[in-house]
Protein backbone atom coordinates (compact mmCIF):
# COMPACT_ATOMS: atom_id res chain seq x y z
CA MET A 1 -9.84 -28.46 -56.07
CA ASP A 2 -7.27 -28.22 -53.31
CA ASP A 3 -7.86 -24.76 -51.90
CA ILE A 4 -10.73 -23.71 -49.63
CA ARG A 5 -10.87 -20.39 -51.46
CA ALA A 6 -12.17 -22.33 -54.49
CA LEU A 7 -15.31 -23.50 -52.68
CA LYS A 8 -18.50 -22.80 -54.61
CA PRO A 9 -21.61 -21.29 -52.99
CA ASN A 10 -23.42 -24.64 -52.82
CA GLN A 11 -20.38 -26.23 -51.15
CA LEU A 12 -20.26 -23.46 -48.56
CA ASP A 13 -23.99 -24.07 -48.07
CA ALA A 14 -23.24 -27.70 -47.21
CA LEU A 15 -20.68 -26.60 -44.62
CA ARG A 16 -23.10 -23.96 -43.36
CA GLU A 17 -25.65 -26.70 -42.69
CA VAL A 18 -23.02 -28.64 -40.73
CA ALA A 19 -22.29 -25.50 -38.70
CA ASN A 20 -26.02 -25.02 -38.13
CA ILE A 21 -26.39 -28.54 -36.76
CA GLY A 22 -23.33 -28.03 -34.56
CA ALA A 23 -24.76 -24.75 -33.27
CA GLY A 24 -28.01 -26.49 -32.34
CA HIS A 25 -26.14 -29.18 -30.41
CA ALA A 26 -24.01 -26.50 -28.73
CA ALA A 27 -27.08 -24.50 -27.68
CA THR A 28 -28.67 -27.57 -26.09
CA ALA A 29 -25.49 -28.55 -24.23
CA LEU A 30 -24.84 -25.01 -23.00
CA SER A 31 -28.44 -24.56 -21.88
CA GLN A 32 -28.10 -27.64 -19.69
CA MET A 33 -24.88 -26.31 -18.19
CA ILE A 34 -26.25 -22.89 -17.24
CA GLY A 35 -29.75 -23.95 -16.26
CA GLY A 36 -31.38 -21.55 -18.73
CA THR A 37 -32.34 -21.50 -22.38
CA ILE A 38 -29.61 -20.49 -24.81
CA MET A 39 -30.35 -20.06 -28.49
CA ILE A 40 -27.74 -19.62 -31.20
CA SER A 41 -28.40 -17.51 -34.26
CA VAL A 42 -27.99 -19.09 -37.68
CA PRO A 43 -24.21 -19.12 -38.00
CA ARG A 44 -22.39 -17.30 -40.77
CA ILE A 45 -19.59 -19.33 -42.32
CA ASN A 46 -16.87 -17.96 -44.54
CA VAL A 47 -13.28 -18.53 -45.55
CA GLN A 48 -10.82 -15.99 -44.24
CA ALA A 49 -7.10 -15.42 -44.28
CA LEU A 50 -5.91 -15.99 -40.72
CA GLU A 51 -4.47 -12.48 -40.62
CA ASP A 52 -7.93 -11.01 -41.39
CA VAL A 53 -9.75 -12.83 -38.60
CA SER A 54 -8.59 -10.66 -35.70
CA PRO A 55 -10.70 -7.56 -36.58
CA MET A 56 -13.78 -9.80 -36.83
CA VAL A 57 -13.44 -10.65 -33.14
CA ALA A 58 -12.14 -7.45 -31.59
CA SER A 59 -9.67 -4.67 -32.23
CA PRO A 60 -6.12 -6.06 -32.45
CA GLU A 61 -5.19 -4.64 -29.01
CA GLU A 62 -8.35 -5.80 -27.24
CA PRO A 63 -8.05 -8.88 -25.00
CA VAL A 64 -9.91 -12.02 -26.03
CA ALA A 65 -10.35 -15.46 -24.51
CA ALA A 66 -9.64 -18.32 -26.89
CA VAL A 67 -10.17 -22.03 -26.28
CA LEU A 68 -7.93 -24.24 -28.41
CA LEU A 69 -8.62 -27.93 -29.09
CA HIS A 70 -6.62 -30.31 -31.22
CA MET A 71 -8.51 -32.74 -33.44
CA PHE A 72 -7.41 -36.36 -33.62
CA GLY A 73 -8.82 -39.39 -35.40
CA ASP A 74 -9.74 -39.58 -39.09
CA LEU A 75 -9.42 -35.79 -39.38
CA THR A 76 -6.67 -33.78 -37.74
CA GLY A 77 -6.13 -30.11 -37.11
CA ARG A 78 -7.23 -27.51 -34.59
CA THR A 79 -10.32 -25.65 -33.55
CA LEU A 80 -10.30 -22.28 -31.87
CA LEU A 81 -13.28 -20.69 -30.16
CA VAL A 82 -12.74 -16.98 -29.55
CA PHE A 83 -14.76 -14.57 -27.40
CA PRO A 84 -14.18 -10.85 -26.81
CA ARG A 85 -13.24 -10.30 -23.17
CA ASP A 86 -16.62 -8.94 -22.06
CA SER A 87 -18.47 -11.84 -23.68
CA ALA A 88 -16.04 -14.28 -22.06
CA ILE A 89 -16.64 -12.79 -18.60
CA ARG A 90 -20.41 -12.94 -19.06
CA LEU A 91 -20.18 -16.53 -20.32
CA ALA A 92 -18.16 -17.44 -17.21
CA GLU A 93 -20.81 -15.81 -14.98
CA MET A 94 -23.50 -17.87 -16.67
CA MET A 95 -21.51 -21.09 -16.35
CA LEU A 96 -20.88 -20.35 -12.66
CA ARG A 97 -24.52 -19.25 -12.21
CA ARG A 98 -23.49 -15.87 -10.89
CA PRO A 99 -25.46 -12.62 -11.28
CA GLN A 100 -24.63 -10.43 -14.26
CA GLY A 101 -21.85 -7.97 -13.42
CA SER A 102 -20.55 -9.96 -10.44
CA SER A 103 -17.30 -10.93 -12.19
CA LYS A 104 -14.82 -8.23 -13.16
CA GLU A 105 -11.79 -10.29 -14.12
CA LEU A 106 -10.99 -13.63 -15.68
CA GLY A 107 -9.67 -15.33 -12.55
CA GLU A 108 -8.92 -19.01 -12.08
CA LEU A 109 -12.58 -20.05 -11.61
CA GLU A 110 -13.73 -17.97 -14.58
CA GLN A 111 -10.99 -19.39 -16.78
CA SER A 112 -11.94 -22.93 -15.82
CA ALA A 113 -15.59 -22.16 -16.69
CA ILE A 114 -14.63 -20.72 -20.09
CA LYS A 115 -12.51 -23.77 -20.87
CA GLU A 116 -15.45 -26.02 -20.04
CA ALA A 117 -17.81 -23.93 -22.19
CA GLY A 118 -15.29 -23.93 -25.04
CA ASN A 119 -14.92 -27.68 -24.74
CA ILE A 120 -18.71 -28.17 -24.94
CA LEU A 121 -19.20 -25.79 -27.85
CA SER A 122 -16.22 -26.92 -29.91
CA SER A 123 -17.06 -30.58 -29.35
CA ALA A 124 -20.63 -29.94 -30.57
CA TYR A 125 -19.33 -28.44 -33.82
CA MET A 126 -16.80 -31.27 -34.13
CA ASN A 127 -19.48 -33.94 -33.64
CA ALA A 128 -21.60 -32.37 -36.39
CA LEU A 129 -18.58 -32.43 -38.72
CA SER A 130 -17.85 -36.03 -37.72
CA ASP A 131 -21.44 -37.09 -38.56
CA PHE A 132 -21.35 -35.21 -41.88
CA MET A 133 -18.03 -36.78 -42.90
CA GLY A 134 -18.81 -40.23 -41.52
CA MET A 135 -15.44 -40.14 -39.77
CA MET A 136 -14.22 -40.36 -36.22
CA LEU A 137 -13.07 -37.13 -34.58
CA LEU A 138 -11.60 -36.96 -31.09
CA PRO A 139 -10.96 -33.65 -29.30
CA SER A 140 -7.97 -33.04 -27.07
CA PRO A 141 -8.41 -31.47 -23.62
CA PRO A 142 -8.96 -27.72 -24.06
CA SER A 143 -6.32 -25.09 -23.47
CA LEU A 144 -7.09 -21.42 -22.86
CA ALA A 145 -5.28 -18.32 -24.05
CA ILE A 146 -6.10 -14.81 -22.86
CA ASP A 147 -4.26 -12.20 -24.86
CA MET A 148 -4.70 -9.45 -27.42
CA SER A 149 -6.70 -10.76 -30.38
CA ALA A 150 -3.83 -10.20 -32.83
CA ALA A 151 -1.49 -12.27 -30.66
CA VAL A 152 -3.94 -15.13 -30.09
CA LEU A 153 -4.68 -15.38 -33.81
CA SER A 154 -1.06 -15.26 -34.91
CA SER A 155 0.41 -18.09 -36.97
CA ALA A 156 3.00 -18.68 -34.25
CA TYR A 157 0.40 -19.38 -31.59
CA LEU A 158 -1.55 -21.74 -33.84
CA GLN A 159 1.60 -23.40 -35.25
CA PHE A 160 0.35 -22.56 -38.71
CA THR A 161 2.56 -22.07 -41.73
CA SER A 162 2.02 -19.63 -44.56
CA ASP A 163 0.81 -22.24 -47.06
CA ARG A 164 -2.32 -23.08 -45.04
CA ASP A 165 -3.30 -19.82 -43.46
CA PHE A 166 -6.86 -19.76 -44.82
CA VAL A 167 -9.37 -20.98 -42.25
CA PHE A 168 -13.07 -21.70 -41.91
CA CYS A 169 -14.74 -19.07 -39.72
CA VAL A 170 -18.13 -19.68 -38.13
CA GLU A 171 -19.59 -16.50 -36.64
CA SER A 172 -22.24 -17.23 -34.02
CA GLU A 173 -24.34 -15.24 -31.60
CA PHE A 174 -25.46 -16.86 -28.36
CA ILE A 175 -28.79 -15.50 -27.13
CA LEU A 176 -30.00 -15.93 -23.55
CA GLN A 177 -33.75 -16.34 -23.95
CA GLU A 178 -34.81 -14.90 -20.58
CA SER A 179 -32.99 -11.57 -20.96
CA GLU A 180 -32.34 -11.55 -24.72
CA GLU A 181 -28.65 -10.92 -23.96
CA ARG A 182 -26.39 -11.60 -26.91
CA LEU A 183 -22.85 -12.91 -26.74
CA ARG A 184 -20.74 -13.05 -29.87
CA GLY A 185 -18.24 -15.81 -30.55
CA LEU A 186 -16.11 -16.99 -33.44
CA PHE A 187 -15.39 -20.65 -34.11
CA LEU A 188 -12.37 -21.34 -36.32
CA LEU A 189 -11.68 -24.66 -37.99
CA LEU A 190 -8.07 -25.15 -39.02
CA PRO A 191 -7.72 -28.58 -40.67
CA ASP A 192 -4.35 -30.07 -41.51
CA PRO A 193 -3.66 -30.32 -45.28
CA GLU A 194 -4.69 -33.99 -45.63
CA SER A 195 -7.85 -33.41 -43.61
CA LEU A 196 -8.68 -30.33 -45.69
CA GLN A 197 -8.54 -32.50 -48.81
CA ALA A 198 -10.96 -35.00 -47.23
CA MET A 199 -13.34 -32.17 -46.31
CA LEU A 200 -13.20 -30.71 -49.80
CA ARG A 201 -13.97 -34.12 -51.31
CA ALA A 202 -16.95 -34.47 -48.93
CA VAL A 203 -18.49 -31.17 -50.07
CA ARG A 204 -18.18 -31.83 -53.79
CA VAL A 205 -21.93 -31.64 -54.05
CA SER A 206 -23.65 -31.18 -57.40
């Protein structure tokens, strides 16, 4: 088995459990950052062609904020955490402990806050994957892109080639307990070919 499209339901379940653990870690870390309780819904994980991901986040012409991290260590590749613009602005407000509606644009402070949130959340998912695989994973410093969703998710931006344009998508909803606000985000895992093989071997569960 050398293609993530060939994953069986029980193998996706194993990866779903990893995503669930990562989401729990992410919720705890984010709650500490904002000084309030954040819960994350049970994440949905699926395998998507990169070109089909954009409509899952926003319409192709709608701006999104995307935090990109490179993975180093025993597994290599990239992770991308994508938020629709409105969710990104609200997340920045929460990180900066500002009232809802006080930020209208993604200025320098807001962008810095989103990068920090993306770093926390992506690292939490990465740590869960690292524990599951029994391998060392090291994240790069985060970089932020704000652009139309179709542009951010293009192969050119992600330095992806056509033979590995299927990615793991983890759809999550972040819920602020006090107000029951919901923010939607999409975590993409884009392993390099050798790392994909190691992941597929790890989920060859009976």
